[in-house]
Amino acid sequence: MQYAKLERDVIERELAELQGWTLREDGLAIVRAYKFSNFAEAFGFMAQCALAAEKLNHHPEWSNVYSRVKVCLTTHDSQGITERDFLLANVMQKAAAGRSD
């Protein structure tokens, strides 16, 4: 199923509601870097988000080095940002609450 690509004004409005997320330079993804107290916290965050991503059938581009997790969300099928990216970003926000530095 293809999801509708969001207009720039909608993206900016949604980003205003999310702490620390920014629009990637090319405008095709939203990105965020998380810093946790240690590897176990970072990995726990990723595990929790992976379960939610699987339920949403929307998987992040991300990387982890020790206590840091970099996330990039885009909807490849739509070649840009859709509602699904913000759904997963909100899940990540909640998973990081109280866990990140």
C-alpha atoms as a PDB file:
ATOM      1  CA  MET A   1       0.000   0.000   0.000  1.00  0.00           C
ATOM      2  CA  GLN A   2       1.358   3.401  -0.973  1.00  0.00           C
ATOM      3  CA  TYR A   3       0.996   6.235   1.520  1.00  0.00           C
ATOM      4  CA  ALA A   4       0.560   9.869   0.491  1.00  0.00           C
ATOM      5  CA  LYS A   5       3.662  12.014   0.723  1.00  0.00           C
ATOM      6  CA  LEU A   6       3.115  14.910   3.123  1.00  0.00           C
ATOM      7  CA  GLU A   7       3.335  18.551   2.061  1.00  0.00           C
ATOM      8  CA  ARG A   8       6.135  20.681   3.499  1.00  0.00           C
ATOM      9  CA  ASP A   9       3.818  22.738   5.760  1.00  0.00           C
ATOM     10  CA  VAL A  10       2.353  19.557   7.287  1.00  0.00           C
ATOM     11  CA  ILE A  11       5.851  18.159   7.856  1.00  0.00           C
ATOM     12  CA  GLU A  12       6.970  21.350   9.590  1.00  0.00           C
ATOM     13  CA  ARG A  13       3.849  21.377  11.791  1.00  0.00           C
ATOM     14  CA  GLU A  14       4.421  17.735  12.790  1.00  0.00           C
ATOM     15  CA  LEU A  15       8.119  18.359  13.471  1.00  0.00           C
ATOM     16  CA  ALA A  16       7.212  21.209  15.816  1.00  0.00           C
ATOM     17  CA  GLU A  17       5.497  18.607  18.023  1.00  0.00           C
ATOM     18  CA  LEU A  18       8.562  16.333  18.212  1.00  0.00           C
ATOM     19  CA  GLN A  19      11.560  17.153  20.341  1.00  0.00           C
ATOM     20  CA  GLY A  20      14.929  16.864  18.610  1.00  0.00           C
ATOM     21  CA  TRP A  21      13.707  15.701  15.201  1.00  0.00           C
ATOM     22  CA  THR A  22      14.734  17.659  12.110  1.00  0.00           C
ATOM     23  CA  LEU A  23      14.123  17.559   8.412  1.00  0.00           C
ATOM     24  CA  ARG A  24      16.996  16.022   6.456  1.00  0.00           C
ATOM     25  CA  GLU A  25      18.681  18.474   4.104  1.00  0.00           C
ATOM     26  CA  ASP A  26      17.057  16.969   0.985  1.00  0.00           C
ATOM     27  CA  GLY A  27      13.586  17.172   2.592  1.00  0.00           C
ATOM     28  CA  LEU A  28      12.892  13.455   2.065  1.00  0.00           C
ATOM     29  CA  ALA A  29      13.353  12.193   5.637  1.00  0.00           C
ATOM     30  CA  ILE A  30      13.217  13.176   9.277  1.00  0.00           C
ATOM     31  CA  VAL A  31      16.236  12.482  11.470  1.00  0.00           C
ATOM     32  CA  ARG A  32      17.222  12.392  15.106  1.00  0.00           C
ATOM     33  CA  ALA A  33      20.213  11.353  17.191  1.00  0.00           C
ATOM     34  CA  TYR A  34      19.651   9.884  20.654  1.00  0.00           C
ATOM     35  CA  LYS A  35      22.239   9.642  23.438  1.00  0.00           C
ATOM     36  CA  PHE A  36      21.707   7.120  26.213  1.00  0.00           C
ATOM     37  CA  SER A  37      23.668   6.469  29.401  1.00  0.00           C
ATOM     38  CA  ASN A  38      25.128   3.193  28.117  1.00  0.00           C
ATOM     39  CA  PHE A  39      24.885   0.486  25.474  1.00  0.00           C
ATOM     40  CA  ALA A  40      22.197  -1.495  27.322  1.00  0.00           C
ATOM     41  CA  GLU A  41      19.882   1.550  27.379  1.00  0.00           C
ATOM     42  CA  ALA A  42      20.503   2.235  23.687  1.00  0.00           C
ATOM     43  CA  PHE A  43      19.903  -1.394  22.775  1.00  0.00           C
ATOM     44  CA  GLY A  44      16.771  -1.554  24.941  1.00  0.00           C
ATOM     45  CA  PHE A  45      15.429   1.494  23.117  1.00  0.00           C
ATOM     46  CA  MET A  46      16.146  -0.136  19.757  1.00  0.00           C
ATOM     47  CA  ALA A  47      14.511  -3.413  20.790  1.00  0.00           C
ATOM     48  CA  GLN A  48      11.361  -1.633  21.968  1.00  0.00           C
ATOM     49  CA  CYS A  49      11.205   0.418  18.760  1.00  0.00           C
ATOM     50  CA  ALA A  50      11.855  -2.635  16.583  1.00  0.00           C
ATOM     51  CA  LEU A  51       8.739  -4.332  17.953  1.00  0.00           C
ATOM     52  CA  ALA A  52       6.637  -1.257  17.247  1.00  0.00           C
ATOM     53  CA  ALA A  53       8.168  -0.844  13.780  1.00  0.00           C
ATOM     54  CA  GLU A  54       7.270  -4.427  12.950  1.00  0.00           C
ATOM     55  CA  LYS A  55       3.645  -3.832  14.001  1.00  0.00           C
ATOM     56  CA  LEU A  56       3.520  -0.701  11.848  1.00  0.00           C
ATOM     57  CA  ASN A  57       5.322  -2.525   9.019  1.00  0.00           C
ATOM     58  CA  HIS A  58       7.547   0.541   8.780  1.00  0.00           C
ATOM     59  CA  HIS A  59      11.210   0.029   9.490  1.00  0.00           C
ATOM     60  CA  PRO A  60      13.745   2.737  10.331  1.00  0.00           C
ATOM     61  CA  GLU A  61      17.168   3.344   8.914  1.00  0.00           C
ATOM     62  CA  TRP A  62      19.285   3.503  12.044  1.00  0.00           C
ATOM     63  CA  SER A  63      22.714   2.920  13.475  1.00  0.00           C
ATOM     64  CA  ASN A  64      24.069   2.326  16.942  1.00  0.00           C
ATOM     65  CA  VAL A  65      27.509   2.970  18.388  1.00  0.00           C
ATOM     66  CA  TYR A  66      27.757   2.269  22.122  1.00  0.00           C
ATOM     67  CA  SER A  67      25.295   4.710  23.737  1.00  0.00           C
ATOM     68  CA  ARG A  68      24.255   6.589  20.605  1.00  0.00           C
ATOM     69  CA  VAL A  69      21.471   5.788  18.153  1.00  0.00           C
ATOM     70  CA  LYS A  70      20.985   7.727  14.917  1.00  0.00           C
ATOM     71  CA  VAL A  71      17.577   7.397  13.258  1.00  0.00           C
ATOM     72  CA  CYS A  72      16.376   8.313   9.779  1.00  0.00           C
ATOM     73  CA  LEU A  73      12.705   7.882   8.874  1.00  0.00           C
ATOM     74  CA  THR A  74      11.358   8.019   5.332  1.00  0.00           C
ATOM     75  CA  THR A  75       8.772   6.095   3.343  1.00  0.00           C
ATOM     76  CA  HIS A  76      10.676   4.644   0.414  1.00  0.00           C
ATOM     77  CA  ASP A  77       7.554   3.577  -1.494  1.00  0.00           C
ATOM     78  CA  SER A  78       6.305   7.177  -1.439  1.00  0.00           C
ATOM     79  CA  GLN A  79       9.765   8.705  -1.989  1.00  0.00           C
ATOM     80  CA  GLY A  80       9.401  11.034   0.968  1.00  0.00           C
ATOM     81  CA  ILE A  81       7.811  11.605   4.346  1.00  0.00           C
ATOM     82  CA  THR A  82       4.390  10.200   5.173  1.00  0.00           C
ATOM     83  CA  GLU A  83       2.136   9.853   8.183  1.00  0.00           C
ATOM     84  CA  ARG A  84       3.846   6.524   8.973  1.00  0.00           C
ATOM     85  CA  ASP A  85       7.150   8.290   9.617  1.00  0.00           C
ATOM     86  CA  PHE A  86       5.551  10.495  12.237  1.00  0.00           C
ATOM     87  CA  LEU A  87       3.745   7.556  13.807  1.00  0.00           C
ATOM     88  CA  LEU A  88       7.059   5.773  14.303  1.00  0.00           C
ATOM     89  CA  ALA A  89       8.826   8.964  15.428  1.00  0.00           C
ATOM     90  CA  ASN A  90       6.191   9.386  18.161  1.00  0.00           C
ATOM     91  CA  VAL A  91       6.709   5.787  19.275  1.00  0.00           C
ATOM     92  CA  MET A  92      10.449   6.449  19.465  1.00  0.00           C
ATOM     93  CA  GLN A  93       9.867   9.649  21.444  1.00  0.00           C
ATOM     94  CA  LYS A  94       7.919   7.686  24.041  1.00  0.00           C
ATOM     95  CA  ALA A  95      10.439   4.823  24.130  1.00  0.00           C
ATOM     96  CA  ALA A  96      13.287   7.280  24.759  1.00  0.00           C
ATOM     97  CA  ALA A  97      11.476   9.206  27.503  1.00  0.00           C
ATOM     98  CA  GLY A  98      13.294   8.710  30.779  1.00  0.00           C
ATOM     99  CA  ARG A  99      15.913   6.600  29.038  1.00  0.00           C
ATOM    100  CA  SER A 100      17.951   9.154  27.068  1.00  0.00           C
ATOM    101  CA  ASP A 101      20.334  11.816  28.353  1.00  0.00           C
END
